[in-house]
Each structure stands twice: as C-alpha cells, then as structure tokens.
Amino acid sequence: MTRDASCPRCASSNIYNDGSLWICPDCAHEVTSLVGANSAEDDLQEGRVYDAFGNLLQDGDSVIVIKDLRVKGASGSLKVGTKVKSIRLVDANDGHNIACRIEGFGSLNLKSEFVKKT
C-alpha cells in the first residue's frame, strides 16, 4: 500500500489490500484498483448512480430487481425479476438512491446495488 492511498468513498487512510481488492474497514467500500480513485470520488460528488453491474443510471430508466427484497410494512417481498419503470434518482444519506412506484407496493426507495438497468 502506498502512503498516500485513501478510500475513494470516505477518504479514510485505513484501507488494506486483500488479493485483488482494496477494502476500507471504515465504510466497507471495496475497489479493485486505486488508480483512478479520484474519478470514483468525483462520481459520488456529482451524484452519478450506477446499477449492480456498473451501468450509469439516469432519471426515467427502467430497471429489474436482482435480489428478493423485504419491504418494511408490506406483507410480501419484492421478487427477483420485478421490472421497475421510470425511476427517479434522489440524494439519500441511507443509500436508497432510487425513488420509484411499483404496482402492488406503491412508492418505494431502492438501493442501486440491487437493480440492473434494462
């Protein structure tokens, strides 16, 4: 590890190398390379949102849920393969950066790490 290496998400200097990944124990962020870490930091500052496979998401995109998700206050869960149309990107401190409306559930906020762009 180089002396000036830091986490691109939280800027912590506590990162360590674990095989092919650099891991930050403070925020649990994992990155494959520290080269270009400034561009990842710029993405976070500019509000860019990526799906689970690294595709850039924009307002109005359609996505598919890639994991069964339990929904608080609902009797059922959101199933794998559920298509969500016309998403809206929002700034949220809790990681739920997609606002959407799903038939049968109503308005929900989702994390981009659980969706795939269609």
N, C-alpha and C. Protein backbone atom coordinates (compact mmCIF):
# COMPACT_ATOMS: atom_id res chain seq x y z
N MET A 1 0.84 -1.18 0.00
CA MET A 1 0.00 0.00 0.00
C MET A 1 0.88 1.24 0.00
N THR A 2 0.52 2.20 -0.79
CA THR A 2 1.27 3.45 -0.80
C THR A 2 0.86 4.32 0.37
N ARG A 3 1.72 5.19 0.80
CA ARG A 3 1.47 6.04 1.95
C ARG A 3 0.31 6.99 1.72
N ASP A 4 0.12 7.44 0.48
CA ASP A 4 -0.92 8.43 0.20
C ASP A 4 -2.23 7.80 -0.26
N ALA A 5 -2.37 6.48 -0.16
CA ALA A 5 -3.60 5.81 -0.60
C ALA A 5 -4.72 6.07 0.40
N SER A 6 -5.90 6.31 -0.13
CA SER A 6 -7.07 6.52 0.73
C SER A 6 -8.32 6.00 0.03
N CYS A 7 -9.35 5.76 0.82
CA CYS A 7 -10.61 5.25 0.29
C CYS A 7 -11.26 6.31 -0.59
N PRO A 8 -11.70 5.93 -1.80
CA PRO A 8 -12.33 6.91 -2.68
C PRO A 8 -13.71 7.35 -2.20
N ARG A 9 -14.35 6.58 -1.31
CA ARG A 9 -15.68 6.94 -0.83
C ARG A 9 -15.61 7.84 0.41
N CYS A 10 -14.84 7.43 1.45
CA CYS A 10 -14.84 8.19 2.70
C CYS A 10 -13.51 8.88 3.00
N ALA A 11 -12.52 8.70 2.14
CA ALA A 11 -11.19 9.32 2.25
C ALA A 11 -10.40 8.83 3.46
N SER A 12 -10.77 7.70 4.02
CA SER A 12 -10.04 7.12 5.14
C SER A 12 -8.71 6.55 4.65
N SER A 13 -7.69 6.65 5.48
CA SER A 13 -6.39 6.10 5.12
C SER A 13 -6.19 4.70 5.66
N ASN A 14 -7.24 4.08 6.21
CA ASN A 14 -7.15 2.75 6.80
C ASN A 14 -7.35 1.62 5.80
N ILE A 15 -7.28 1.87 4.51
CA ILE A 15 -7.55 0.82 3.53
C ILE A 15 -6.44 -0.22 3.52
N TYR A 16 -6.80 -1.44 3.11
CA TYR A 16 -5.81 -2.51 3.00
C TYR A 16 -6.09 -3.35 1.76
N ASN A 17 -5.07 -4.04 1.29
CA ASN A 17 -5.16 -4.86 0.10
C ASN A 17 -5.45 -6.29 0.50
N ASP A 18 -6.48 -6.88 -0.12
CA ASP A 18 -6.84 -8.26 0.13
C ASP A 18 -6.93 -8.98 -1.21
N GLY A 19 -5.82 -9.46 -1.69
CA GLY A 19 -5.78 -10.11 -3.00
C GLY A 19 -5.93 -9.09 -4.11
N SER A 20 -7.05 -9.13 -4.83
CA SER A 20 -7.25 -8.20 -5.93
C SER A 20 -8.12 -7.01 -5.54
N LEU A 21 -8.51 -6.90 -4.27
CA LEU A 21 -9.37 -5.81 -3.81
C LEU A 21 -8.67 -4.93 -2.79
N TRP A 22 -9.00 -3.64 -2.81
CA TRP A 22 -8.64 -2.72 -1.76
C TRP A 22 -9.90 -2.54 -0.93
N ILE A 23 -9.83 -2.72 0.38
CA ILE A 23 -11.00 -2.69 1.24
C ILE A 23 -10.83 -1.62 2.31
N CYS A 24 -11.90 -0.85 2.53
CA CYS A 24 -11.92 0.15 3.59
C CYS A 24 -12.73 -0.40 4.75
N PRO A 25 -12.13 -0.63 5.91
CA PRO A 25 -12.89 -1.15 7.04
C PRO A 25 -13.84 -0.12 7.65
N ASP A 26 -13.64 1.15 7.38
CA ASP A 26 -14.48 2.19 7.96
C ASP A 26 -15.85 2.26 7.30
N CYS A 27 -15.90 2.19 5.95
CA CYS A 27 -17.19 2.30 5.25
C CYS A 27 -17.54 1.04 4.46
N ALA A 28 -16.69 0.02 4.51
CA ALA A 28 -16.90 -1.27 3.83
C ALA A 28 -16.88 -1.15 2.31
N HIS A 29 -16.29 -0.10 1.79
CA HIS A 29 -16.20 0.08 0.34
C HIS A 29 -15.07 -0.80 -0.18
N GLU A 30 -15.32 -1.46 -1.32
CA GLU A 30 -14.31 -2.31 -1.96
C GLU A 30 -14.05 -1.78 -3.35
N VAL A 31 -12.80 -1.71 -3.74
CA VAL A 31 -12.43 -1.23 -5.06
C VAL A 31 -11.31 -2.11 -5.59
N THR A 32 -11.33 -2.36 -6.90
CA THR A 32 -10.33 -3.25 -7.48
C THR A 32 -8.99 -2.57 -7.69
N SER A 33 -9.01 -1.28 -7.89
CA SER A 33 -7.78 -0.57 -8.14
C SER A 33 -7.86 0.84 -7.58
N LEU A 34 -6.77 1.30 -7.03
CA LEU A 34 -6.75 2.68 -6.55
C LEU A 34 -6.38 3.66 -7.65
N VAL A 35 -5.97 3.15 -8.80
CA VAL A 35 -5.71 4.00 -9.94
C VAL A 35 -7.06 4.52 -10.42
N GLY A 36 -7.20 5.81 -10.54
CA GLY A 36 -8.47 6.39 -10.94
C GLY A 36 -9.43 6.55 -9.78
N ALA A 37 -8.94 6.48 -8.55
CA ALA A 37 -9.82 6.64 -7.39
C ALA A 37 -10.44 8.02 -7.36
N ASN A 38 -9.74 9.00 -7.91
CA ASN A 38 -10.31 10.34 -7.94
C ASN A 38 -11.56 10.38 -8.80
N SER A 39 -11.62 9.59 -9.87
CA SER A 39 -12.81 9.61 -10.71
C SER A 39 -13.99 9.00 -9.97
N ALA A 40 -13.76 7.99 -9.12
CA ALA A 40 -14.85 7.43 -8.31
C ALA A 40 -15.34 8.45 -7.29
N GLU A 41 -14.42 9.19 -6.73
CA GLU A 41 -14.80 10.24 -5.79
C GLU A 41 -15.58 11.34 -6.50
N ASP A 42 -15.17 11.69 -7.71
CA ASP A 42 -15.89 12.68 -8.50
C ASP A 42 -17.30 12.21 -8.82
N ASP A 43 -17.47 10.91 -9.13
CA ASP A 43 -18.79 10.35 -9.40
C ASP A 43 -19.71 10.53 -8.19
N LEU A 44 -19.18 10.26 -6.99
CA LEU A 44 -20.00 10.40 -5.79
C LEU A 44 -20.39 11.85 -5.57
N GLN A 45 -19.46 12.78 -5.81
CA GLN A 45 -19.74 14.19 -5.61
C GLN A 45 -20.72 14.72 -6.65
N GLU A 46 -20.65 14.23 -7.87
CA GLU A 46 -21.52 14.71 -8.92
C GLU A 46 -22.87 14.01 -8.91
N GLY A 47 -23.07 13.04 -8.03
CA GLY A 47 -24.35 12.37 -7.90
C GLY A 47 -24.62 11.31 -8.94
N ARG A 48 -23.60 10.77 -9.57
CA ARG A 48 -23.81 9.70 -10.53
C ARG A 48 -24.18 8.43 -9.79
N VAL A 49 -25.11 7.70 -10.35
CA VAL A 49 -25.58 6.47 -9.72
C VAL A 49 -25.41 5.33 -10.71
N TYR A 50 -24.86 4.20 -10.22
CA TYR A 50 -24.61 3.04 -11.06
C TYR A 50 -25.39 1.85 -10.53
N ASP A 51 -25.81 0.96 -11.44
CA ASP A 51 -26.51 -0.25 -11.01
C ASP A 51 -25.49 -1.28 -10.51
N ALA A 52 -25.96 -2.47 -10.19
CA ALA A 52 -25.09 -3.51 -9.63
C ALA A 52 -24.00 -3.96 -10.59
N PHE A 53 -24.16 -3.71 -11.88
CA PHE A 53 -23.19 -4.14 -12.88
C PHE A 53 -22.37 -2.98 -13.45
N GLY A 54 -22.47 -1.80 -12.85
CA GLY A 54 -21.65 -0.67 -13.25
C GLY A 54 -22.23 0.18 -14.37
N ASN A 55 -23.48 -0.02 -14.73
CA ASN A 55 -24.11 0.80 -15.76
C ASN A 55 -24.64 2.09 -15.15
N LEU A 56 -24.40 3.21 -15.82
CA LEU A 56 -24.86 4.50 -15.34
C LEU A 56 -26.38 4.59 -15.43
N LEU A 57 -27.01 4.97 -14.33
CA LEU A 57 -28.47 5.13 -14.30
C LEU A 57 -28.83 6.60 -14.43
N GLN A 58 -29.98 6.85 -15.07
CA GLN A 58 -30.49 8.21 -15.23
C GLN A 58 -31.97 8.23 -14.92
N ASP A 59 -32.51 9.41 -14.65
CA ASP A 59 -33.94 9.54 -14.42
C ASP A 59 -34.71 9.01 -15.62
N GLY A 60 -35.79 8.26 -15.36
CA GLY A 60 -36.62 7.73 -16.42
C GLY A 60 -36.22 6.35 -16.91
N ASP A 61 -35.08 5.83 -16.48
CA ASP A 61 -34.65 4.50 -16.89
C ASP A 61 -35.57 3.43 -16.30
N SER A 62 -35.54 2.26 -16.90
CA SER A 62 -36.22 1.08 -16.37
C SER A 62 -35.16 0.14 -15.82
N VAL A 63 -35.48 -0.50 -14.69
CA VAL A 63 -34.54 -1.42 -14.06
C VAL A 63 -35.28 -2.68 -13.65
N ILE A 64 -34.50 -3.74 -13.36
CA ILE A 64 -35.03 -5.01 -12.88
C ILE A 64 -34.37 -5.31 -11.55
N VAL A 65 -35.16 -5.75 -10.58
CA VAL A 65 -34.65 -6.12 -9.26
C VAL A 65 -33.89 -7.43 -9.39
N ILE A 66 -32.68 -7.52 -8.83
CA ILE A 66 -31.84 -8.71 -8.97
C ILE A 66 -31.77 -9.57 -7.71
N LYS A 67 -32.52 -9.18 -6.66
CA LYS A 67 -32.49 -9.92 -5.41
C LYS A 67 -33.85 -9.76 -4.74
N ASP A 68 -34.35 -10.82 -4.09
CA ASP A 68 -35.58 -10.69 -3.31
C ASP A 68 -35.34 -9.67 -2.21
N LEU A 69 -36.23 -8.70 -2.10
CA LEU A 69 -36.08 -7.63 -1.11
C LEU A 69 -37.30 -7.60 -0.20
N ARG A 70 -37.06 -7.63 1.10
CA ARG A 70 -38.16 -7.48 2.05
C ARG A 70 -38.52 -6.00 2.12
N VAL A 71 -39.81 -5.72 2.17
CA VAL A 71 -40.28 -4.34 2.21
C VAL A 71 -40.93 -4.12 3.56
N LYS A 72 -40.41 -3.14 4.31
CA LYS A 72 -40.98 -2.85 5.62
C LYS A 72 -42.43 -2.42 5.48
N GLY A 73 -43.30 -2.97 6.32
CA GLY A 73 -44.70 -2.61 6.32
C GLY A 73 -45.54 -3.32 5.28
N ALA A 74 -44.93 -4.17 4.48
CA ALA A 74 -45.67 -4.91 3.46
C ALA A 74 -45.71 -6.38 3.86
N SER A 75 -46.76 -7.07 3.44
CA SER A 75 -46.89 -8.47 3.81
C SER A 75 -45.99 -9.38 2.97
N GLY A 76 -45.64 -8.94 1.78
CA GLY A 76 -44.80 -9.75 0.90
C GLY A 76 -43.46 -9.09 0.65
N SER A 77 -42.68 -9.72 -0.22
CA SER A 77 -41.39 -9.14 -0.57
C SER A 77 -41.37 -8.84 -2.06
N LEU A 78 -40.45 -8.01 -2.44
CA LEU A 78 -40.24 -7.65 -3.84
C LEU A 78 -39.39 -8.76 -4.46
N LYS A 79 -39.89 -9.43 -5.47
CA LYS A 79 -39.26 -10.62 -6.02
C LYS A 79 -38.22 -10.29 -7.10
N VAL A 80 -37.28 -11.21 -7.26
CA VAL A 80 -36.29 -11.11 -8.33
C VAL A 80 -37.01 -11.03 -9.67
N GLY A 81 -36.56 -10.16 -10.54
CA GLY A 81 -37.15 -10.03 -11.87
C GLY A 81 -38.25 -8.99 -11.97
N THR A 82 -38.61 -8.37 -10.85
CA THR A 82 -39.64 -7.33 -10.89
C THR A 82 -39.12 -6.15 -11.70
N LYS A 83 -39.86 -5.73 -12.71
CA LYS A 83 -39.44 -4.61 -13.55
C LYS A 83 -39.99 -3.31 -12.97
N VAL A 84 -39.13 -2.32 -12.89
CA VAL A 84 -39.50 -1.02 -12.36
C VAL A 84 -39.28 0.00 -13.47
N LYS A 85 -40.33 0.71 -13.83
CA LYS A 85 -40.25 1.69 -14.92
C LYS A 85 -40.15 3.10 -14.37
N SER A 86 -39.56 3.96 -15.14
CA SER A 86 -39.49 5.40 -14.84
C SER A 86 -38.96 5.69 -13.44
N ILE A 87 -37.72 5.27 -13.19
CA ILE A 87 -37.11 5.56 -11.89
C ILE A 87 -36.74 7.03 -11.80
N ARG A 88 -36.57 7.49 -10.58
CA ARG A 88 -36.12 8.85 -10.33
C ARG A 88 -34.95 8.77 -9.35
N LEU A 89 -33.84 9.39 -9.68
CA LEU A 89 -32.66 9.36 -8.81
C LEU A 89 -32.78 10.45 -7.77
N VAL A 90 -32.49 10.09 -6.52
CA VAL A 90 -32.58 11.03 -5.40
C VAL A 90 -31.31 10.95 -4.57
N ASP A 91 -31.03 12.02 -3.86
CA ASP A 91 -29.91 12.03 -2.92
C ASP A 91 -30.44 11.58 -1.57
N ALA A 92 -29.89 10.49 -1.07
CA ALA A 92 -30.33 9.98 0.23
C ALA A 92 -29.11 9.56 1.03
N ASN A 93 -29.12 9.88 2.30
CA ASN A 93 -28.00 9.54 3.17
C ASN A 93 -27.98 8.07 3.55
N ASP A 94 -29.12 7.39 3.43
CA ASP A 94 -29.19 5.99 3.84
C ASP A 94 -28.89 5.02 2.71
N GLY A 95 -28.50 5.50 1.54
CA GLY A 95 -28.14 4.63 0.43
C GLY A 95 -29.27 4.31 -0.52
N HIS A 96 -30.50 4.63 -0.18
CA HIS A 96 -31.65 4.40 -1.04
C HIS A 96 -31.72 5.56 -2.04
N ASN A 97 -31.06 5.38 -3.20
CA ASN A 97 -30.91 6.49 -4.14
C ASN A 97 -31.82 6.39 -5.36
N ILE A 98 -32.79 5.48 -5.34
CA ILE A 98 -33.76 5.37 -6.44
C ILE A 98 -35.16 5.48 -5.86
N ALA A 99 -35.92 6.44 -6.33
CA ALA A 99 -37.33 6.57 -5.95
C ALA A 99 -38.15 6.02 -7.12
N CYS A 100 -39.17 5.20 -6.81
CA CYS A 100 -39.96 4.59 -7.87
C CYS A 100 -41.35 4.26 -7.36
N ARG A 101 -42.18 3.83 -8.27
CA ARG A 101 -43.53 3.38 -7.93
C ARG A 101 -43.69 1.99 -8.52
N ILE A 102 -44.05 1.03 -7.66
CA ILE A 102 -44.20 -0.36 -8.08
C ILE A 102 -45.63 -0.79 -7.81
N GLU A 103 -46.27 -1.33 -8.83
CA GLU A 103 -47.65 -1.79 -8.69
C GLU A 103 -47.72 -2.88 -7.63
N GLY A 104 -48.64 -2.73 -6.71
CA GLY A 104 -48.79 -3.68 -5.62
C GLY A 104 -48.05 -3.28 -4.37
N PHE A 105 -47.08 -2.36 -4.49
CA PHE A 105 -46.32 -1.89 -3.33
C PHE A 105 -46.45 -0.39 -3.13
N GLY A 106 -46.70 0.35 -4.18
CA GLY A 106 -46.78 1.80 -4.08
C GLY A 106 -45.41 2.44 -4.28
N SER A 107 -45.22 3.59 -3.66
CA SER A 107 -43.95 4.31 -3.79
C SER A 107 -42.91 3.70 -2.87
N LEU A 108 -41.73 3.47 -3.44
CA LEU A 108 -40.62 2.87 -2.69
C LEU A 108 -39.32 3.58 -3.02
N ASN A 109 -38.37 3.43 -2.14
CA ASN A 109 -36.99 3.84 -2.40
C ASN A 109 -36.15 2.57 -2.42
N LEU A 110 -35.30 2.44 -3.44
CA LEU A 110 -34.45 1.26 -3.60
C LEU A 110 -32.99 1.67 -3.60
N LYS A 111 -32.14 0.73 -3.29
CA LYS A 111 -30.69 0.93 -3.42
C LYS A 111 -30.28 0.48 -4.81
N SER A 112 -29.42 1.24 -5.45
CA SER A 112 -29.00 0.93 -6.81
C SER A 112 -28.20 -0.37 -6.90
N GLU A 113 -27.65 -0.84 -5.80
CA GLU A 113 -26.87 -2.07 -5.81
C GLU A 113 -27.74 -3.32 -5.97
N PHE A 114 -29.07 -3.18 -5.90
CA PHE A 114 -29.98 -4.31 -6.03
C PHE A 114 -30.78 -4.28 -7.32
N VAL A 115 -30.35 -3.46 -8.29
CA VAL A 115 -31.08 -3.38 -9.56
C VAL A 115 -30.12 -3.50 -10.73
N LYS A 116 -30.71 -3.87 -11.89
CA LYS A 116 -29.96 -3.96 -13.14
C LYS A 116 -30.69 -3.14 -14.18
N LYS A 117 -29.97 -2.31 -14.91
CA LYS A 117 -30.56 -1.48 -15.94
C LYS A 117 -31.02 -2.35 -17.11
N THR A 118 -32.21 -2.02 -17.67
CA THR A 118 -32.71 -2.79 -18.82
C THR A 118 -32.56 -1.99 -20.09
